[in-house]
């Protein structure tokens, strides 16, 4: 089992930055692929970014590529989502997720989920 706790959400103006953190406990986080997903009010959950177990590779949604960066520190069991040039359409609850399977963008392949942290981007 892996427990995930997100932090770092809040209110920011368009063009600003936020840094989301995900603290993992339980099973060694280096054995788990980690990802970020988001869900805006009234919309379905969508993939944001995933990083491989070793941290050597990552994949991003087209909507955030070039603005967001996912990273991980396996010695500290943390995953970071650095979000720059934020837009109002980035407003959503952001969820950290972990997968012991081969997972990339499909949320159904992630079995561990945090409670989420709200990001609000104003005009």
N, C-alpha and C. Protein backbone atom coordinates (compact mmCIF):
# COMPACT_ATOMS: atom_id res chain seq x y z
N UNK A 1 0.82 -1.19 0.00
CA UNK A 1 0.00 0.00 0.00
C UNK A 1 0.86 1.25 0.00
N UNK A 2 0.36 2.28 -0.64
CA UNK A 2 1.03 3.58 -0.67
C UNK A 2 0.01 4.63 -0.27
N UNK A 3 0.37 5.48 0.66
CA UNK A 3 -0.48 6.59 1.05
C UNK A 3 0.10 7.86 0.44
N UNK A 4 -0.77 8.68 -0.13
CA UNK A 4 -0.33 9.88 -0.82
C UNK A 4 -1.04 11.10 -0.24
N UNK A 5 -0.28 12.15 0.00
CA UNK A 5 -0.84 13.39 0.54
C UNK A 5 -0.31 14.56 -0.29
N UNK A 6 -1.23 15.29 -0.90
CA UNK A 6 -0.86 16.44 -1.71
C UNK A 6 -0.86 17.72 -0.88
N UNK A 7 -0.07 18.68 -1.33
CA UNK A 7 -0.07 20.01 -0.72
C UNK A 7 0.40 21.02 -1.76
N UNK A 8 0.17 22.29 -1.47
CA UNK A 8 0.68 23.34 -2.33
C UNK A 8 -0.35 24.04 -3.18
N UNK A 9 -1.60 23.59 -3.14
CA UNK A 9 -2.62 24.25 -3.92
C UNK A 9 -2.96 25.62 -3.36
N UNK A 10 -3.74 26.39 -4.12
CA UNK A 10 -4.14 27.70 -3.65
C UNK A 10 -4.67 28.54 -4.78
N UNK A 11 -4.76 29.83 -4.51
CA UNK A 11 -5.26 30.81 -5.48
C UNK A 11 -4.08 31.57 -6.07
N UNK A 12 -4.07 31.67 -7.39
CA UNK A 12 -3.00 32.39 -8.07
C UNK A 12 -3.58 33.11 -9.28
N UNK A 13 -2.96 34.21 -9.65
CA UNK A 13 -3.41 34.94 -10.83
C UNK A 13 -2.87 34.28 -12.09
N UNK A 14 -3.58 34.49 -13.18
CA UNK A 14 -3.14 33.96 -14.46
C UNK A 14 -1.71 34.45 -14.76
N UNK A 15 -0.90 33.54 -15.26
CA UNK A 15 0.50 33.85 -15.51
C UNK A 15 1.42 33.52 -14.36
N UNK A 16 0.85 33.23 -13.21
CA UNK A 16 1.64 32.92 -12.03
C UNK A 16 2.05 31.46 -11.98
N UNK A 17 2.68 31.10 -10.85
CA UNK A 17 3.20 29.75 -10.67
C UNK A 17 2.75 29.16 -9.34
N UNK A 18 2.67 27.85 -9.31
CA UNK A 18 2.44 27.10 -8.08
C UNK A 18 3.27 25.83 -8.13
N UNK A 19 3.60 25.34 -6.94
CA UNK A 19 4.38 24.11 -6.84
C UNK A 19 3.61 23.15 -5.97
N UNK A 20 3.16 22.07 -6.56
CA UNK A 20 2.42 21.05 -5.82
C UNK A 20 3.38 19.95 -5.38
N UNK A 21 3.18 19.48 -4.16
CA UNK A 21 3.99 18.38 -3.64
C UNK A 21 3.11 17.20 -3.29
N UNK A 22 3.67 16.03 -3.43
CA UNK A 22 2.97 14.79 -3.07
C UNK A 22 3.92 13.97 -2.21
N UNK A 23 3.53 13.77 -0.97
CA UNK A 23 4.34 12.97 -0.04
C UNK A 23 3.80 11.55 -0.01
N UNK A 24 4.68 10.60 -0.26
CA UNK A 24 4.28 9.20 -0.29
C UNK A 24 4.81 8.47 0.93
N UNK A 25 4.02 7.58 1.46
CA UNK A 25 4.45 6.73 2.57
C UNK A 25 3.94 5.33 2.33
N UNK A 26 4.54 4.37 3.01
CA UNK A 26 4.17 2.99 2.82
C UNK A 26 5.17 2.29 1.94
N UNK A 27 4.68 1.65 0.93
CA UNK A 27 5.54 0.95 -0.02
C UNK A 27 6.56 1.90 -0.61
N UNK A 28 7.76 1.41 -0.84
CA UNK A 28 8.82 2.25 -1.38
C UNK A 28 8.36 2.96 -2.65
N UNK A 29 8.42 4.27 -2.61
CA UNK A 29 7.87 5.03 -3.73
C UNK A 29 8.64 4.81 -5.02
N UNK A 30 9.91 4.42 -4.92
CA UNK A 30 10.68 4.21 -6.14
C UNK A 30 10.19 3.03 -6.95
N UNK A 31 9.33 2.20 -6.36
CA UNK A 31 8.79 1.05 -7.08
C UNK A 31 7.45 1.38 -7.73
N UNK A 32 7.05 2.64 -7.64
CA UNK A 32 5.73 3.04 -8.11
C UNK A 32 5.87 4.17 -9.13
N UNK A 33 5.21 4.01 -10.27
CA UNK A 33 5.09 5.11 -11.23
C UNK A 33 4.15 6.15 -10.63
N UNK A 34 4.53 7.41 -10.73
CA UNK A 34 3.74 8.46 -10.12
C UNK A 34 3.18 9.41 -11.16
N UNK A 35 1.97 9.89 -10.92
CA UNK A 35 1.36 10.79 -11.86
C UNK A 35 0.53 11.86 -11.16
N UNK A 36 0.18 12.86 -11.95
CA UNK A 36 -0.75 13.89 -11.50
C UNK A 36 -1.94 13.91 -12.47
N UNK A 37 -3.11 14.02 -11.88
CA UNK A 37 -4.35 14.15 -12.63
C UNK A 37 -5.10 15.34 -12.07
N UNK A 38 -6.09 15.82 -12.80
CA UNK A 38 -6.88 16.94 -12.30
C UNK A 38 -8.33 16.78 -12.72
N UNK A 39 -9.19 17.40 -11.95
CA UNK A 39 -10.61 17.37 -12.25
C UNK A 39 -11.20 18.73 -11.97
N UNK A 40 -11.71 19.36 -13.01
CA UNK A 40 -12.39 20.65 -12.87
C UNK A 40 -13.86 20.41 -12.56
N UNK A 41 -14.52 21.37 -11.94
CA UNK A 41 -15.93 21.21 -11.61
C UNK A 41 -16.77 20.89 -12.85
N UNK A 42 -17.55 19.84 -12.77
CA UNK A 42 -18.42 19.47 -13.86
C UNK A 42 -17.74 18.76 -15.01
N UNK A 43 -16.46 18.47 -14.84
CA UNK A 43 -15.72 17.80 -15.91
C UNK A 43 -15.14 16.48 -15.42
N UNK A 44 -14.74 15.65 -16.37
CA UNK A 44 -14.13 14.39 -16.02
C UNK A 44 -12.67 14.60 -15.60
N UNK A 45 -12.19 13.66 -14.84
CA UNK A 45 -10.78 13.68 -14.46
C UNK A 45 -9.92 13.55 -15.71
N UNK A 46 -8.82 14.29 -15.74
CA UNK A 46 -7.94 14.22 -16.89
C UNK A 46 -6.48 14.09 -16.46
N UNK A 47 -5.73 13.44 -17.32
CA UNK A 47 -4.31 13.22 -17.09
C UNK A 47 -3.55 14.54 -17.22
N UNK A 48 -2.54 14.72 -16.37
CA UNK A 48 -1.68 15.90 -16.43
C UNK A 48 -0.24 15.48 -16.76
N UNK A 49 0.35 14.63 -15.92
CA UNK A 49 1.74 14.24 -16.14
C UNK A 49 2.04 12.94 -15.38
N UNK A 50 3.00 12.19 -15.90
CA UNK A 50 3.46 10.96 -15.25
C UNK A 50 4.96 10.91 -15.32
N UNK A 51 5.56 10.39 -14.27
CA UNK A 51 7.01 10.23 -14.24
C UNK A 51 7.34 8.78 -13.92
N UNK A 52 8.35 8.27 -14.59
CA UNK A 52 8.74 6.86 -14.42
C UNK A 52 9.34 6.63 -13.02
N UNK A 53 9.44 5.38 -12.65
CA UNK A 53 9.95 5.03 -11.33
C UNK A 53 11.32 5.65 -11.04
N UNK A 54 12.18 5.61 -12.02
CA UNK A 54 13.54 6.12 -11.82
C UNK A 54 13.61 7.63 -11.94
N UNK A 55 12.57 8.23 -12.49
CA UNK A 55 12.57 9.66 -12.74
C UNK A 55 13.24 10.04 -14.04
N UNK A 56 13.63 9.04 -14.83
CA UNK A 56 14.38 9.30 -16.05
C UNK A 56 13.52 9.79 -17.20
N UNK A 57 12.25 9.48 -17.14
CA UNK A 57 11.35 9.88 -18.22
C UNK A 57 10.02 10.37 -17.66
N UNK A 58 9.38 11.23 -18.42
CA UNK A 58 8.08 11.75 -18.03
C UNK A 58 7.25 11.98 -19.29
N UNK A 59 5.96 11.98 -19.10
CA UNK A 59 5.04 12.27 -20.20
C UNK A 59 4.03 13.30 -19.71
N UNK A 60 3.62 14.18 -20.62
CA UNK A 60 2.74 15.29 -20.27
C UNK A 60 1.52 15.34 -21.19
N UNK A 61 0.44 15.88 -20.65
CA UNK A 61 -0.71 16.20 -21.48
C UNK A 61 -0.33 17.37 -22.39
N UNK A 62 -0.90 17.40 -23.58
CA UNK A 62 -0.60 18.48 -24.52
C UNK A 62 -0.92 19.85 -23.91
N UNK A 63 -1.95 19.90 -23.10
CA UNK A 63 -2.41 21.18 -22.56
C UNK A 63 -1.45 21.78 -21.55
N UNK A 64 -0.52 20.98 -21.01
CA UNK A 64 0.40 21.51 -20.00
C UNK A 64 1.86 21.41 -20.41
N UNK A 65 2.12 20.72 -21.50
CA UNK A 65 3.52 20.53 -21.91
C UNK A 65 4.18 21.88 -22.17
N UNK A 66 5.38 22.04 -21.60
CA UNK A 66 6.09 23.31 -21.73
C UNK A 66 5.81 24.28 -20.61
N UNK A 67 4.76 24.04 -19.85
CA UNK A 67 4.42 24.92 -18.72
C UNK A 67 4.59 24.20 -17.38
N UNK A 68 4.29 22.91 -17.36
CA UNK A 68 4.38 22.12 -16.12
C UNK A 68 5.58 21.19 -16.20
N UNK A 69 6.16 20.93 -15.03
CA UNK A 69 7.27 19.98 -14.94
C UNK A 69 7.04 19.05 -13.75
N UNK A 70 7.10 17.75 -14.02
CA UNK A 70 6.98 16.77 -12.95
C UNK A 70 8.37 16.25 -12.60
N UNK A 71 8.60 16.07 -11.32
CA UNK A 71 9.88 15.54 -10.86
C UNK A 71 9.65 14.70 -9.61
N UNK A 72 10.65 13.93 -9.25
CA UNK A 72 10.51 13.11 -8.04
C UNK A 72 11.86 12.98 -7.35
N UNK A 73 11.78 12.82 -6.04
CA UNK A 73 12.96 12.57 -5.22
C UNK A 73 12.67 11.30 -4.43
N UNK A 74 13.21 10.19 -4.91
CA UNK A 74 12.91 8.91 -4.28
C UNK A 74 13.53 8.79 -2.88
N UNK A 75 14.55 9.58 -2.61
CA UNK A 75 15.14 9.54 -1.27
C UNK A 75 14.23 10.20 -0.25
N UNK A 76 13.38 11.09 -0.72
CA UNK A 76 12.45 11.78 0.17
C UNK A 76 11.01 11.35 -0.04
N UNK A 77 10.81 10.40 -0.98
CA UNK A 77 9.46 9.91 -1.26
C UNK A 77 8.51 11.05 -1.60
N UNK A 78 8.95 11.95 -2.44
CA UNK A 78 8.11 13.06 -2.85
C UNK A 78 8.08 13.20 -4.38
N UNK A 79 6.96 13.71 -4.85
CA UNK A 79 6.78 14.02 -6.26
C UNK A 79 6.33 15.47 -6.35
N UNK A 80 6.91 16.20 -7.24
CA UNK A 80 6.64 17.62 -7.39
C UNK A 80 6.01 17.90 -8.75
N UNK A 81 5.03 18.79 -8.77
CA UNK A 81 4.51 19.31 -10.03
C UNK A 81 4.70 20.82 -10.00
N UNK A 82 5.66 21.28 -10.76
CA UNK A 82 5.90 22.71 -10.88
C UNK A 82 5.04 23.25 -12.02
N UNK A 83 4.19 24.20 -11.69
CA UNK A 83 3.25 24.73 -12.67
C UNK A 83 3.55 26.20 -12.92
N UNK A 84 3.91 26.52 -14.13
CA UNK A 84 4.22 27.89 -14.51
C UNK A 84 3.24 28.38 -15.57
N UNK A 85 3.20 29.67 -15.76
CA UNK A 85 2.32 30.28 -16.77
C UNK A 85 0.90 29.74 -16.65
N UNK A 86 0.39 29.76 -15.46
CA UNK A 86 -0.93 29.19 -15.21
C UNK A 86 -2.02 29.97 -15.91
N UNK A 87 -3.04 29.23 -16.33
CA UNK A 87 -4.18 29.80 -17.05
C UNK A 87 -5.45 29.50 -16.25
N UNK A 88 -6.49 30.30 -16.43
CA UNK A 88 -7.74 30.01 -15.74
C UNK A 88 -8.25 28.60 -16.00
N UNK A 89 -8.00 28.07 -17.18
CA UNK A 89 -8.46 26.72 -17.50
C UNK A 89 -7.68 25.63 -16.76
N UNK A 90 -6.63 26.01 -16.04
CA UNK A 90 -5.91 25.05 -15.19
C UNK A 90 -6.59 24.87 -13.83
N UNK A 91 -7.62 25.67 -13.57
CA UNK A 91 -8.35 25.56 -12.31
C UNK A 91 -8.96 24.18 -12.17
N UNK A 92 -8.63 23.51 -11.07
CA UNK A 92 -9.11 22.14 -10.86
C UNK A 92 -8.59 21.64 -9.51
N UNK A 93 -9.12 20.52 -9.09
CA UNK A 93 -8.52 19.80 -7.98
C UNK A 93 -7.48 18.85 -8.58
N UNK A 94 -6.28 18.93 -8.05
CA UNK A 94 -5.16 18.13 -8.57
C UNK A 94 -4.92 16.95 -7.65
N UNK A 95 -4.80 15.78 -8.26
CA UNK A 95 -4.61 14.55 -7.52
C UNK A 95 -3.28 13.91 -7.88
N UNK A 96 -2.59 13.48 -6.85
CA UNK A 96 -1.39 12.68 -7.01
C UNK A 96 -1.82 11.21 -7.06
N UNK A 97 -1.19 10.44 -7.92
CA UNK A 97 -1.56 9.04 -8.08
C UNK A 97 -0.32 8.17 -8.25
N UNK A 98 -0.44 6.92 -7.83
CA UNK A 98 0.66 5.98 -7.96
C UNK A 98 0.21 4.68 -8.58
N UNK A 99 1.10 4.06 -9.33
CA UNK A 99 0.77 2.81 -9.99
C UNK A 99 1.92 1.83 -9.88
N UNK A 100 1.60 0.61 -9.52
CA UNK A 100 2.59 -0.46 -9.49
C UNK A 100 2.62 -1.18 -10.83
N UNK A 101 1.76 -0.77 -11.75
CA UNK A 101 1.66 -1.41 -13.06
C UNK A 101 2.38 -0.55 -14.09
N UNK A 102 2.32 -1.00 -15.34
CA UNK A 102 2.80 -0.17 -16.42
C UNK A 102 1.73 0.86 -16.73
N UNK A 103 1.91 2.07 -16.29
CA UNK A 103 0.89 3.09 -16.42
C UNK A 103 1.51 4.37 -16.97
N UNK A 104 0.71 5.06 -17.76
CA UNK A 104 1.19 6.35 -18.27
C UNK A 104 0.11 7.40 -18.12
N UNK A 105 -0.90 7.36 -18.97
CA UNK A 105 -1.91 8.41 -18.98
C UNK A 105 -3.29 7.94 -18.56
N UNK A 106 -3.47 6.65 -18.42
CA UNK A 106 -4.78 6.09 -18.09
C UNK A 106 -4.96 6.02 -16.59
N UNK A 107 -5.85 6.83 -16.07
CA UNK A 107 -6.06 6.88 -14.63
C UNK A 107 -6.52 5.57 -14.03
N UNK A 108 -7.15 4.73 -14.81
CA UNK A 108 -7.65 3.45 -14.29
C UNK A 108 -6.50 2.49 -13.96
N UNK A 109 -5.31 2.79 -14.44
CA UNK A 109 -4.14 1.97 -14.16
C UNK A 109 -3.42 2.39 -12.88
N UNK A 110 -3.92 3.45 -12.24
CA UNK A 110 -3.32 3.92 -11.00
C UNK A 110 -4.20 3.46 -9.85
N UNK A 111 -3.59 2.74 -8.89
CA UNK A 111 -4.39 2.20 -7.78
C UNK A 111 -4.28 3.02 -6.50
N UNK A 112 -3.31 3.94 -6.44
CA UNK A 112 -3.15 4.75 -5.24
C UNK A 112 -3.47 6.21 -5.58
N UNK A 113 -4.26 6.83 -4.71
CA UNK A 113 -4.70 8.21 -4.96
C UNK A 113 -4.65 9.02 -3.67
N UNK A 114 -4.28 10.29 -3.84
CA UNK A 114 -4.37 11.21 -2.72
C UNK A 114 -5.75 11.83 -2.65
N UNK A 115 -5.93 12.73 -1.69
CA UNK A 115 -7.23 13.38 -1.49
C UNK A 115 -7.42 14.58 -2.40
N UNK A 116 -6.35 15.08 -2.95
CA UNK A 116 -6.47 16.20 -3.86
C UNK A 116 -6.16 17.53 -3.21
N UNK A 117 -5.71 18.46 -4.04
CA UNK A 117 -5.46 19.82 -3.59
C UNK A 117 -6.01 20.77 -4.65
N UNK A 118 -6.72 21.80 -4.20
CA UNK A 118 -7.42 22.69 -5.12
C UNK A 118 -6.49 23.79 -5.62
N UNK A 119 -6.49 23.96 -6.93
CA UNK A 119 -5.77 25.05 -7.58
C UNK A 119 -6.79 25.94 -8.29
N UNK A 120 -6.76 27.22 -7.96
CA UNK A 120 -7.67 28.18 -8.58
C UNK A 120 -6.84 29.27 -9.24
N UNK A 121 -7.06 29.46 -10.54
CA UNK A 121 -6.33 30.47 -11.29
C UNK A 121 -7.31 31.55 -11.71
N UNK A 122 -7.10 32.76 -11.24
CA UNK A 122 -8.01 33.86 -11.54
C UNK A 122 -7.53 34.62 -12.77
N UNK A 123 -8.47 35.35 -13.38
CA UNK A 123 -8.15 36.12 -14.61
C UNK A 123 -7.14 37.22 -14.31
